[in-house]
Amino acid sequence: MDRSLADSRVEAVSTDLRFIAGFNAALCVATTALRASGHRTVTQSGHHVKTIESLELTIKADSKVIQRFKTFDNKRNKSVYDVAGAVSDQELIPNAWRCPCP
């Protein structure tokens, strides 16, 4: 998680790669919370979404946090699979990731 978060701050790489690194760090935290509660997802299509949705139970995240995280997952998918340059500077950590966390 620390490495991904550090990578998200490297200005010499594209905003897409920085966003993906930040997303991976956040997903790692969500996965850690899920495993700490004694659960895990099966590696299959949609497992990122299931991990994100588990935050409601593992850390009592509210629906706004979960929806924002899902939006970031969609943006990551678009950047990885569809379009290079899909991420703007405003969507990078810490700009876009500020949320009303409990």
PDB file of N, CA and C in Angstrom:
ATOM      1  N   MET A   1       0.821  -1.180   0.000  1.00  0.00           N
ATOM      2  CA  MET A   1       0.000   0.000   0.000  1.00  0.00           C
ATOM      3  C   MET A   1       0.870   1.250   0.000  1.00  0.00           C
ATOM      4  N   ASP A   2       1.900   1.263   0.847  1.00  0.00           N
ATOM      5  CA  ASP A   2       2.773   2.436   0.917  1.00  0.00           C
ATOM      6  C   ASP A   2       3.445   2.718  -0.420  1.00  0.00           C
ATOM      7  N   ARG A   3       3.898   1.654  -1.097  1.00  0.00           N
ATOM      8  CA  ARG A   3       4.567   1.838  -2.385  1.00  0.00           C
ATOM      9  C   ARG A   3       3.612   2.428  -3.415  1.00  0.00           C
ATOM     10  N   SER A   4       2.386   1.898  -3.472  1.00  0.00           N
ATOM     11  CA  SER A   4       1.402   2.415  -4.434  1.00  0.00           C
ATOM     12  C   SER A   4       1.068   3.871  -4.143  1.00  0.00           C
ATOM     13  N   LEU A   5       0.916   4.197  -2.873  1.00  0.00           N
ATOM     14  CA  LEU A   5       0.613   5.578  -2.509  1.00  0.00           C
ATOM     15  C   LEU A   5       1.781   6.497  -2.880  1.00  0.00           C
ATOM     16  N   ALA A   6       3.000   6.040  -2.636  1.00  0.00           N
ATOM     17  CA  ALA A   6       4.174   6.831  -3.028  1.00  0.00           C
ATOM     18  C   ALA A   6       4.227   6.993  -4.546  1.00  0.00           C
ATOM     19  N   ASP A   7       3.941   5.919  -5.281  1.00  0.00           N
ATOM     20  CA  ASP A   7       3.933   5.990  -6.749  1.00  0.00           C
ATOM     21  C   ASP A   7       2.902   6.994  -7.254  1.00  0.00           C
ATOM     22  N   SER A   8       1.797   7.128  -6.539  1.00  0.00           N
ATOM     23  CA  SER A   8       0.742   8.050  -6.975  1.00  0.00           C
ATOM     24  C   SER A   8       1.183   9.509  -6.901  1.00  0.00           C
ATOM     25  N   ARG A   9       2.273   9.753  -6.212  1.00  0.00           N
ATOM     26  CA  ARG A   9       2.765  11.128  -6.044  1.00  0.00           C
ATOM     27  C   ARG A   9       3.928  11.477  -6.972  1.00  0.00           C
ATOM     28  N   VAL A  10       4.358  10.531  -7.796  1.00  0.00           N
ATOM     29  CA  VAL A  10       5.488  10.761  -8.702  1.00  0.00           C
ATOM     30  C   VAL A  10       5.002  11.566  -9.899  1.00  0.00           C
ATOM     31  N   GLU A  11       5.398  12.814  -9.964  1.00  0.00           N
ATOM     32  CA  GLU A  11       4.903  13.710 -11.010  1.00  0.00           C
ATOM     33  C   GLU A  11       5.501  13.430 -12.384  1.00  0.00           C
ATOM     34  N   ALA A  12       6.559  12.625 -12.442  1.00  0.00           N
ATOM     35  CA  ALA A  12       7.215  12.342 -13.721  1.00  0.00           C
ATOM     36  C   ALA A  12       6.442  11.340 -14.577  1.00  0.00           C
ATOM     37  N   VAL A  13       5.437  10.693 -14.012  1.00  0.00           N
ATOM     38  CA  VAL A  13       4.643   9.731 -14.783  1.00  0.00           C
ATOM     39  C   VAL A  13       3.275  10.324 -15.103  1.00  0.00           C
ATOM     40  N   SER A  14       2.555   9.670 -15.973  1.00  0.00           N
ATOM     41  CA  SER A  14       1.261  10.189 -16.427  1.00  0.00           C
ATOM     42  C   SER A  14       0.241  10.246 -15.294  1.00  0.00           C
ATOM     43  N   THR A  15      -0.744  11.096 -15.474  1.00  0.00           N
ATOM     44  CA  THR A  15      -1.823  11.176 -14.486  1.00  0.00           C
ATOM     45  C   THR A  15      -2.580   9.855 -14.418  1.00  0.00           C
ATOM     46  N   ASP A  16      -2.707   9.155 -15.546  1.00  0.00           N
ATOM     47  CA  ASP A  16      -3.376   7.848 -15.531  1.00  0.00           C
ATOM     48  C   ASP A  16      -2.667   6.891 -14.576  1.00  0.00           C
ATOM     49  N   LEU A  17      -1.350   6.774 -14.717  1.00  0.00           N
ATOM     50  CA  LEU A  17      -0.604   5.848 -13.864  1.00  0.00           C
ATOM     51  C   LEU A  17      -0.626   6.279 -12.407  1.00  0.00           C
ATOM     52  N   ARG A  18      -0.585   7.576 -12.171  1.00  0.00           N
ATOM     53  CA  ARG A  18      -0.659   8.064 -10.790  1.00  0.00           C
ATOM     54  C   ARG A  18      -2.020   7.739 -10.177  1.00  0.00           C
ATOM     55  N   PHE A  19      -3.080   7.923 -10.954  1.00  0.00           N
ATOM     56  CA  PHE A  19      -4.426   7.612 -10.473  1.00  0.00           C
ATOM     57  C   PHE A  19      -4.554   6.120 -10.173  1.00  0.00           C
ATOM     58  N   ILE A  20      -4.067   5.286 -11.084  1.00  0.00           N
ATOM     59  CA  ILE A  20      -4.143   3.835 -10.899  1.00  0.00           C
ATOM     60  C   ILE A  20      -3.388   3.421  -9.638  1.00  0.00           C
ATOM     61  N   ALA A  21      -2.218   4.001  -9.412  1.00  0.00           N
ATOM     62  CA  ALA A  21      -1.448   3.686  -8.208  1.00  0.00           C
ATOM     63  C   ALA A  21      -2.207   4.098  -6.950  1.00  0.00           C
ATOM     64  N   GLY A  22      -2.818   5.275  -6.969  1.00  0.00           N
ATOM     65  CA  GLY A  22      -3.618   5.722  -5.823  1.00  0.00           C
ATOM     66  C   GLY A  22      -4.816   4.830  -5.587  1.00  0.00           C
ATOM     67  N   PHE A  23      -5.474   4.437  -6.670  1.00  0.00           N
ATOM     68  CA  PHE A  23      -6.612   3.528  -6.550  1.00  0.00           C
ATOM     69  C   PHE A  23      -6.159   2.196  -5.960  1.00  0.00           C
ATOM     70  N   ASN A  24      -5.027   1.683  -6.433  1.00  0.00           N
ATOM     71  CA  ASN A  24      -4.525   0.410  -5.917  1.00  0.00           C
ATOM     72  C   ASN A  24      -4.226   0.491  -4.426  1.00  0.00           C
ATOM     73  N   ALA A  25      -3.701   1.625  -3.974  1.00  0.00           N
ATOM     74  CA  ALA A  25      -3.440   1.807  -2.544  1.00  0.00           C
ATOM     75  C   ALA A  25      -4.744   1.776  -1.752  1.00  0.00           C
ATOM     76  N   ALA A  26      -5.751   2.481  -2.246  1.00  0.00           N
ATOM     77  CA  ALA A  26      -7.049   2.501  -1.562  1.00  0.00           C
ATOM     78  C   ALA A  26      -7.694   1.118  -1.572  1.00  0.00           C
ATOM     79  N   LEU A  27      -7.583   0.408  -2.687  1.00  0.00           N
ATOM     80  CA  LEU A  27      -8.147  -0.938  -2.773  1.00  0.00           C
ATOM     81  C   LEU A  27      -7.425  -1.889  -1.822  1.00  0.00           C
ATOM     82  N   CYS A  28      -6.131  -1.698  -1.656  1.00  0.00           N
ATOM     83  CA  CYS A  28      -5.361  -2.508  -0.714  1.00  0.00           C
ATOM     84  C   CYS A  28      -5.871  -2.309   0.714  1.00  0.00           C
ATOM     85  N   VAL A  29      -6.170  -1.078   1.066  1.00  0.00           N
ATOM     86  CA  VAL A  29      -6.717  -0.790   2.396  1.00  0.00           C
ATOM     87  C   VAL A  29      -8.079  -1.463   2.563  1.00  0.00           C
ATOM     88  N   ALA A  30      -8.917  -1.378   1.543  1.00  0.00           N
ATOM     89  CA  ALA A  30     -10.236  -2.019   1.601  1.00  0.00           C
ATOM     90  C   ALA A  30     -10.100  -3.534   1.715  1.00  0.00           C
ATOM     91  N   THR A  31      -9.148  -4.108   0.986  1.00  0.00           N
ATOM     92  CA  THR A  31      -8.914  -5.551   1.050  1.00  0.00           C
ATOM     93  C   THR A  31      -8.414  -5.953   2.431  1.00  0.00           C
ATOM     94  N   THR A  32      -7.546  -5.138   3.011  1.00  0.00           N
ATOM     95  CA  THR A  32      -7.041  -5.409   4.354  1.00  0.00           C
ATOM     96  C   THR A  32      -8.175  -5.400   5.371  1.00  0.00           C
ATOM     97  N   ALA A  33      -9.071  -4.428   5.262  1.00  0.00           N
ATOM     98  CA  ALA A  33     -10.221  -4.364   6.175  1.00  0.00           C
ATOM     99  C   ALA A  33     -11.106  -5.596   6.009  1.00  0.00           C
ATOM    100  N   LEU A  34     -11.307  -6.019   4.771  1.00  0.00           N
ATOM    101  CA  LEU A  34     -12.136  -7.196   4.507  1.00  0.00           C
ATOM    102  C   LEU A  34     -11.504  -8.446   5.113  1.00  0.00           C
ATOM    103  N   ARG A  35     -10.221  -8.627   4.895  1.00  0.00           N
ATOM    104  CA  ARG A  35      -9.536  -9.810   5.433  1.00  0.00           C
ATOM    105  C   ARG A  35      -9.447  -9.770   6.953  1.00  0.00           C
ATOM    106  N   ALA A  36      -9.277  -8.582   7.513  1.00  0.00           N
ATOM    107  CA  ALA A  36      -9.230  -8.450   8.972  1.00  0.00           C
ATOM    108  C   ALA A  36     -10.552  -8.845   9.610  1.00  0.00           C
ATOM    109  N   SER A  37     -11.629  -8.727   8.844  1.00  0.00           N
ATOM    110  CA  SER A  37     -12.940  -9.127   9.368  1.00  0.00           C
ATOM    111  C   SER A  37     -13.213 -10.611   9.123  1.00  0.00           C
ATOM    112  N   GLY A  38     -12.218 -11.324   8.563  1.00  0.00           N
ATOM    113  CA  GLY A  38     -12.348 -12.759   8.367  1.00  0.00           C
ATOM    114  C   GLY A  38     -12.925 -13.174   7.029  1.00  0.00           C
ATOM    115  N   HIS A  39     -12.968 -12.266   6.077  1.00  0.00           N
ATOM    116  CA  HIS A  39     -13.554 -12.563   4.768  1.00  0.00           C
ATOM    117  C   HIS A  39     -12.559 -12.264   3.659  1.00  0.00           C
ATOM    118  N   ARG A  40     -12.896 -12.719   2.469  1.00  0.00           N
ATOM    119  CA  ARG A  40     -12.124 -12.393   1.272  1.00  0.00           C
ATOM    120  C   ARG A  40     -13.017 -12.571   0.064  1.00  0.00           C
ATOM    121  N   THR A  41     -12.640 -11.946  -1.035  1.00  0.00           N
ATOM    122  CA  THR A  41     -13.396 -12.121  -2.272  1.00  0.00           C
ATOM    123  C   THR A  41     -12.716 -13.187  -3.116  1.00  0.00           C
ATOM    124  N   VAL A  42     -13.479 -13.762  -4.022  1.00  0.00           N
ATOM    125  CA  VAL A  42     -12.936 -14.704  -4.988  1.00  0.00           C
ATOM    126  C   VAL A  42     -12.418 -13.884  -6.161  1.00  0.00           C
ATOM    127  N   THR A  43     -11.243 -14.230  -6.655  1.00  0.00           N
ATOM    128  CA  THR A  43     -10.681 -13.498  -7.791  1.00  0.00           C
ATOM    129  C   THR A  43     -11.460 -13.860  -9.047  1.00  0.00           C
ATOM    130  N   GLN A  44     -12.369 -12.991  -9.392  1.00  0.00           N
ATOM    131  CA  GLN A  44     -13.197 -13.155 -10.586  1.00  0.00           C
ATOM    132  C   GLN A  44     -13.702 -11.780 -10.983  1.00  0.00           C
ATOM    133  N   SER A  45     -14.371 -11.721 -12.098  1.00  0.00           N
ATOM    134  CA  SER A  45     -14.914 -10.450 -12.559  1.00  0.00           C
ATOM    135  C   SER A  45     -15.788  -9.836 -11.467  1.00  0.00           C
ATOM    136  N   GLY A  46     -15.539  -8.582 -11.160  1.00  0.00           N
ATOM    137  CA  GLY A  46     -16.344  -7.881 -10.167  1.00  0.00           C
ATOM    138  C   GLY A  46     -15.804  -7.936  -8.751  1.00  0.00           C
ATOM    139  N   HIS A  47     -14.645  -8.566  -8.539  1.00  0.00           N
ATOM    140  CA  HIS A  47     -14.162  -8.673  -7.163  1.00  0.00           C
ATOM    141  C   HIS A  47     -13.744  -7.329  -6.579  1.00  0.00           C
ATOM    142  N   HIS A  48     -13.317  -6.373  -7.409  1.00  0.00           N
ATOM    143  CA  HIS A  48     -13.014  -5.038  -6.885  1.00  0.00           C
ATOM    144  C   HIS A  48     -14.279  -4.392  -6.331  1.00  0.00           C
ATOM    145  N   VAL A  49     -15.375  -4.515  -7.054  1.00  0.00           N
ATOM    146  CA  VAL A  49     -16.636  -3.910  -6.612  1.00  0.00           C
ATOM    147  C   VAL A  49     -17.103  -4.550  -5.310  1.00  0.00           C
ATOM    148  N   LYS A  50     -16.974  -5.855  -5.201  1.00  0.00           N
ATOM    149  CA  LYS A  50     -17.375  -6.531  -3.958  1.00  0.00           C
ATOM    150  C   LYS A  50     -16.517  -6.070  -2.779  1.00  0.00           C
ATOM    151  N   THR A  51     -15.234  -5.885  -3.026  1.00  0.00           N
ATOM    152  CA  THR A  51     -14.348  -5.385  -1.975  1.00  0.00           C
ATOM    153  C   THR A  51     -14.759  -3.978  -1.561  1.00  0.00           C
ATOM    154  N   ILE A  52     -15.055  -3.139  -2.532  1.00  0.00           N
ATOM    155  CA  ILE A  52     -15.497  -1.770  -2.254  1.00  0.00           C
ATOM    156  C   ILE A  52     -16.805  -1.787  -1.462  1.00  0.00           C
ATOM    157  N   GLU A  53     -17.753  -2.593  -1.900  1.00  0.00           N
ATOM    158  CA  GLU A  53     -19.047  -2.663  -1.215  1.00  0.00           C
ATOM    159  C   GLU A  53     -18.909  -3.192   0.207  1.00  0.00           C
ATOM    160  N   SER A  54     -17.897  -4.007   0.465  1.00  0.00           N
ATOM    161  CA  SER A  54     -17.704  -4.557   1.808  1.00  0.00           C
ATOM    162  C   SER A  54     -17.349  -3.484   2.829  1.00  0.00           C
ATOM    163  N   LEU A  55     -16.918  -2.310   2.363  1.00  0.00           N
ATOM    164  CA  LEU A  55     -16.552  -1.234   3.288  1.00  0.00           C
ATOM    165  C   LEU A  55     -17.722  -0.801   4.166  1.00  0.00           C
ATOM    166  N   GLU A  56     -18.931  -1.002   3.682  1.00  0.00           N
ATOM    167  CA  GLU A  56     -20.108  -0.677   4.496  1.00  0.00           C
ATOM    168  C   GLU A  56     -20.109  -1.500   5.786  1.00  0.00           C
ATOM    169  N   LEU A  57     -19.679  -2.744   5.688  1.00  0.00           N
ATOM    170  CA  LEU A  57     -19.667  -3.626   6.854  1.00  0.00           C
ATOM    171  C   LEU A  57     -18.350  -3.569   7.622  1.00  0.00           C
ATOM    172  N   THR A  58     -17.231  -3.476   6.904  1.00  0.00           N
ATOM    173  CA  THR A  58     -15.938  -3.579   7.579  1.00  0.00           C
ATOM    174  C   THR A  58     -15.535  -2.319   8.323  1.00  0.00           C
ATOM    175  N   ILE A  59     -15.806  -1.151   7.745  1.00  0.00           N
ATOM    176  CA  ILE A  59     -15.430   0.102   8.423  1.00  0.00           C
ATOM    177  C   ILE A  59     -16.615   1.047   8.603  1.00  0.00           C
ATOM    178  N   LYS A  60     -17.797   0.529   8.309  1.00  0.00           N
ATOM    179  CA  LYS A  60     -19.030   1.325   8.443  1.00  0.00           C
ATOM    180  C   LYS A  60     -19.014   2.563   7.545  1.00  0.00           C
ATOM    181  N   ALA A  61     -18.425   2.418   6.356  1.00  0.00           N
ATOM    182  CA  ALA A  61     -18.384   3.529   5.396  1.00  0.00           C
ATOM    183  C   ALA A  61     -19.796   3.858   4.937  1.00  0.00           C
ATOM    184  N   ASP A  62     -20.071   5.137   4.767  1.00  0.00           N
ATOM    185  CA  ASP A  62     -21.405   5.509   4.298  1.00  0.00           C
ATOM    186  C   ASP A  62     -21.498   5.369   2.781  1.00  0.00           C
ATOM    187  N   SER A  63     -22.683   5.469   2.273  1.00  0.00           N
ATOM    188  CA  SER A  63     -22.936   5.217   0.851  1.00  0.00           C
ATOM    189  C   SER A  63     -22.212   6.209  -0.058  1.00  0.00           C
ATOM    190  N   LYS A  64     -21.987   7.433   0.409  1.00  0.00           N
ATOM    191  CA  LYS A  64     -21.270   8.420  -0.410  1.00  0.00           C
ATOM    192  C   LYS A  64     -19.822   8.002  -0.644  1.00  0.00           C
ATOM    193  N   VAL A  65     -19.179   7.489   0.385  1.00  0.00           N
ATOM    194  CA  VAL A  65     -17.801   7.018   0.258  1.00  0.00           C
ATOM    195  C   VAL A  65     -17.740   5.837  -0.704  1.00  0.00           C
ATOM    196  N   ILE A  66     -18.647   4.906  -0.541  1.00  0.00           N
ATOM    197  CA  ILE A  66     -18.669   3.723  -1.398  1.00  0.00           C
ATOM    198  C   ILE A  66     -18.954   4.112  -2.842  1.00  0.00           C
ATOM    199  N   GLN A  67     -19.890   5.002  -3.071  1.00  0.00           N
ATOM    200  CA  GLN A  67     -20.200   5.426  -4.434  1.00  0.00           C
ATOM    201  C   GLN A  67     -19.012   6.142  -5.073  1.00  0.00           C
ATOM    202  N   ARG A  68     -18.318   6.972  -4.309  1.00  0.00           N
ATOM    203  CA  ARG A  68     -17.143   7.662  -4.845  1.00  0.00           C
ATOM    204  C   ARG A  68     -16.065   6.646  -5.223  1.00  0.00           C
ATOM    205  N   PHE A  69     -15.862   5.658  -4.373  1.00  0.00           N
ATOM    206  CA  PHE A  69     -14.877   4.614  -4.642  1.00  0.00           C
ATOM    207  C   PHE A  69     -15.258   3.837  -5.911  1.00  0.00           C
ATOM    208  N   LYS A  70     -16.544   3.547  -6.094  1.00  0.00           N
ATOM    209  CA  LYS A  70     -17.001   2.856  -7.308  1.00  0.00           C
ATOM    210  C   LYS A  70     -16.762   3.718  -8.550  1.00  0.00           C
ATOM    211  N   THR A  71     -16.967   5.017  -8.412  1.00  0.00           N
ATOM    212  CA  THR A  71     -16.695   5.932  -9.521  1.00  0.00           C
ATOM    213  C   THR A  71     -15.218   5.880  -9.891  1.00  0.00           C
ATOM    214  N   PHE A  72     -14.351   5.843  -8.885  1.00  0.00           N
ATOM    215  CA  PHE A  72     -12.918   5.740  -9.141  1.00  0.00           C
ATOM    216  C   PHE A  72     -12.566   4.409  -9.792  1.00  0.00           C
ATOM    217  N   ASP A  73     -13.248   3.335  -9.402  1.00  0.00           N
ATOM    218  CA  ASP A  73     -13.022   2.028 -10.025  1.00  0.00           C
ATOM    219  C   ASP A  73     -13.383   2.082 -11.506  1.00  0.00           C
ATOM    220  N   ASN A  74     -14.500   2.719 -11.821  1.00  0.00           N
ATOM    221  CA  ASN A  74     -14.897   2.869 -13.230  1.00  0.00           C
ATOM    222  C   ASN A  74     -13.872   3.693 -14.006  1.00  0.00           C
ATOM    223  N   LYS A  75     -13.374   4.754 -13.386  1.00  0.00           N
ATOM    224  CA  LYS A  75     -12.363   5.596 -14.027  1.00  0.00           C
ATOM    225  C   LYS A  75     -11.073   4.801 -14.247  1.00  0.00           C
ATOM    226  N   ARG A  76     -10.686   4.005 -13.267  1.00  0.00           N
ATOM    227  CA  ARG A  76      -9.495   3.166 -13.414  1.00  0.00           C
ATOM    228  C   ARG A  76      -9.678   2.184 -14.565  1.00  0.00           C
ATOM    229  N   ASN A  77     -10.831   1.529 -14.628  1.00  0.00           N
ATOM    230  CA  ASN A  77     -11.098   0.582 -15.713  1.00  0.00           C
ATOM    231  C   ASN A  77     -11.018   1.268 -17.072  1.00  0.00           C
ATOM    232  N   LYS A  78     -11.599   2.446 -17.167  1.00  0.00           N
ATOM    233  CA  LYS A  78     -11.568   3.191 -18.430  1.00  0.00           C
ATOM    234  C   LYS A  78     -10.131   3.519 -18.818  1.00  0.00           C
ATOM    235  N   SER A  79      -9.345   3.952 -17.850  1.00  0.00           N
ATOM    236  CA  SER A  79      -7.960   4.317 -18.108  1.00  0.00           C
ATOM    237  C   SER A  79      -7.115   3.106 -18.495  1.00  0.00           C
ATOM    238  N   VAL A  80      -7.347   1.976 -17.848  1.00  0.00           N
ATOM    239  CA  VAL A  80      -6.560   0.771 -18.115  1.00  0.00           C
ATOM    240  C   VAL A  80      -6.961   0.113 -19.425  1.00  0.00           C
ATOM    241  N   TYR A  81      -8.263   0.014 -19.684  1.00  0.00           N
ATOM    242  CA  TYR A  81      -8.741  -0.804 -20.792  1.00  0.00           C
ATOM    243  C   TYR A  81      -9.216  -0.039 -22.024  1.00  0.00           C
ATOM    244  N   ASP A  82      -9.577   1.235 -21.876  1.00  0.00           N
ATOM    245  CA  ASP A  82     -10.225   1.926 -22.991  1.00  0.00           C
ATOM    246  C   ASP A  82      -9.443   3.102 -23.568  1.00  0.00           C
ATOM    247  N   VAL A  83      -9.118   4.094 -22.740  1.00  0.00           N
ATOM    248  CA  VAL A  83      -8.603   5.357 -23.254  1.00  0.00           C
ATOM    249  C   VAL A  83      -7.408   5.835 -22.430  1.00  0.00           C
ATOM    250  N   ALA A  84      -6.296   6.062 -23.096  1.00  0.00           N
ATOM    251  CA  ALA A  84      -5.164   6.694 -22.416  1.00  0.00           C
ATOM    252  C   ALA A  84      -5.478   8.175 -22.239  1.00  0.00           C
ATOM    253  N   GLY A  85      -5.045   8.738 -21.130  1.00  0.00           N
ATOM    254  CA  GLY A  85      -5.283  10.158 -20.878  1.00  0.00           C
ATOM    255  C   GLY A  85      -6.662  10.453 -20.331  1.00  0.00           C
ATOM    256  N   ALA A  86      -7.305   9.456 -19.746  1.00  0.00           N
ATOM    257  CA  ALA A  86      -8.668   9.624 -19.241  1.00  0.00           C
ATOM    258  C   ALA A  86      -8.725  10.348 -17.900  1.00  0.00           C
ATOM    259  N   VAL A  87      -7.587  10.491 -17.236  1.00  0.00           N
ATOM    260  CA  VAL A  87      -7.557  11.068 -15.890  1.00  0.00           C
ATOM    261  C   VAL A  87      -6.959  12.471 -15.939  1.00  0.00           C
ATOM    262  N   SER A  88      -7.650  13.419 -15.312  1.00  0.00           N
ATOM    263  CA  SER A  88      -7.156  14.799 -15.245  1.00  0.00           C
ATOM    264  C   SER A  88      -6.390  15.021 -13.940  1.00  0.00           C
ATOM    265  N   ASP A  89      -5.663  16.123 -13.863  1.00  0.00           N
ATOM    266  CA  ASP A  89      -4.937  16.458 -12.636  1.00  0.00           C
ATOM    267  C   ASP A  89      -5.877  16.591 -11.440  1.00  0.00           C
ATOM    268  N   GLN A  90      -7.090  17.073 -11.668  1.00  0.00           N
ATOM    269  CA  GLN A  90      -8.049  17.263 -10.580  1.00  0.00           C
ATOM    270  C   GLN A  90      -8.529  15.936  -9.989  1.00  0.00           C
ATOM    271  N   GLU A  91      -8.330  14.854 -10.718  1.00  0.00           N
ATOM    272  CA  GLU A  91      -8.784  13.545 -10.244  1.00  0.00           C
ATOM    273  C   GLU A  91      -7.706  12.776  -9.489  1.00  0.00           C
ATOM    274  N   LEU A  92      -6.572  13.400  -9.274  1.00  0.00           N
ATOM    275  CA  LEU A  92      -5.488  12.746  -8.562  1.00  0.00           C
ATOM    276  C   LEU A  92      -5.624  12.923  -7.065  1.00  0.00           C
ATOM    277  N   ILE A  93      -4.992  12.045  -6.326  1.00  0.00           N
ATOM    278  CA  ILE A  93      -4.890  12.189  -4.879  1.00  0.00           C
ATOM    279  C   ILE A  93      -4.038  13.425  -4.615  1.00  0.00           C
ATOM    280  N   PRO A  94      -4.306  14.270  -3.673  1.00  0.00           N
ATOM    281  CA  PRO A  94      -5.441  14.179  -2.771  1.00  0.00           C
ATOM    282  C   PRO A  94      -6.682  14.894  -3.274  1.00  0.00           C
ATOM    283  N   ASN A  95      -6.615  15.491  -4.453  1.00  0.00           N
ATOM    284  CA  ASN A  95      -7.716  16.322  -4.946  1.00  0.00           C
ATOM    285  C   ASN A  95      -9.062  15.607  -4.952  1.00  0.00           C
ATOM    286  N   ALA A  96      -9.168  14.530  -5.690  1.00  0.00           N
ATOM    287  CA  ALA A  96     -10.461  13.869  -5.884  1.00  0.00           C
ATOM    288  C   ALA A  96     -10.835  12.932  -4.758  1.00  0.00           C
ATOM    289  N   TRP A  97      -9.866  12.507  -3.972  1.00  0.00           N
ATOM    290  CA  TRP A  97     -10.127  11.456  -2.998  1.00  0.00           C
ATOM    291  C   TRP A  97     -10.628  11.991  -1.667  1.00  0.00           C
ATOM    292  N   ARG A  98     -10.707  13.279  -1.527  1.00  0.00           N
ATOM    293  CA  ARG A  98     -11.248  13.809  -0.270  1.00  0.00           C
ATOM    294  C   ARG A  98     -12.701  13.410  -0.166  1.00  0.00           C
ATOM    295  N   CYS A  99     -13.043  12.833   0.942  1.00  0.00           N
ATOM    296  CA  CYS A  99     -14.408  12.340   1.091  1.00  0.00           C
ATOM    297  C   CYS A  99     -14.858  12.503   2.532  1.00  0.00           C
ATOM    298  N   PRO A 100     -16.147  12.486   2.741  1.00  0.00           N
ATOM    299  CA  PRO A 100     -16.681  12.598   4.101  1.00  0.00           C
ATOM    300  C   PRO A 100     -16.576  11.263   4.825  1.00  0.00           C
ATOM    301  N   CYS A 101     -15.351  10.863   5.161  1.00  0.00           N
ATOM    302  CA  CYS A 101     -15.150   9.572   5.826  1.00  0.00           C
ATOM    303  C   CYS A 101     -15.601   9.656   7.274  1.00  0.00           C
ATOM    304  N   PRO A 102     -16.107   8.542   7.780  1.00  0.00           N
ATOM    305  CA  PRO A 102     -16.598   8.543   9.165  1.00  0.00           C
ATOM    306  C   PRO A 102     -15.481   8.726  10.179  1.00  0.00           C
TER     307      PRO A 102
END
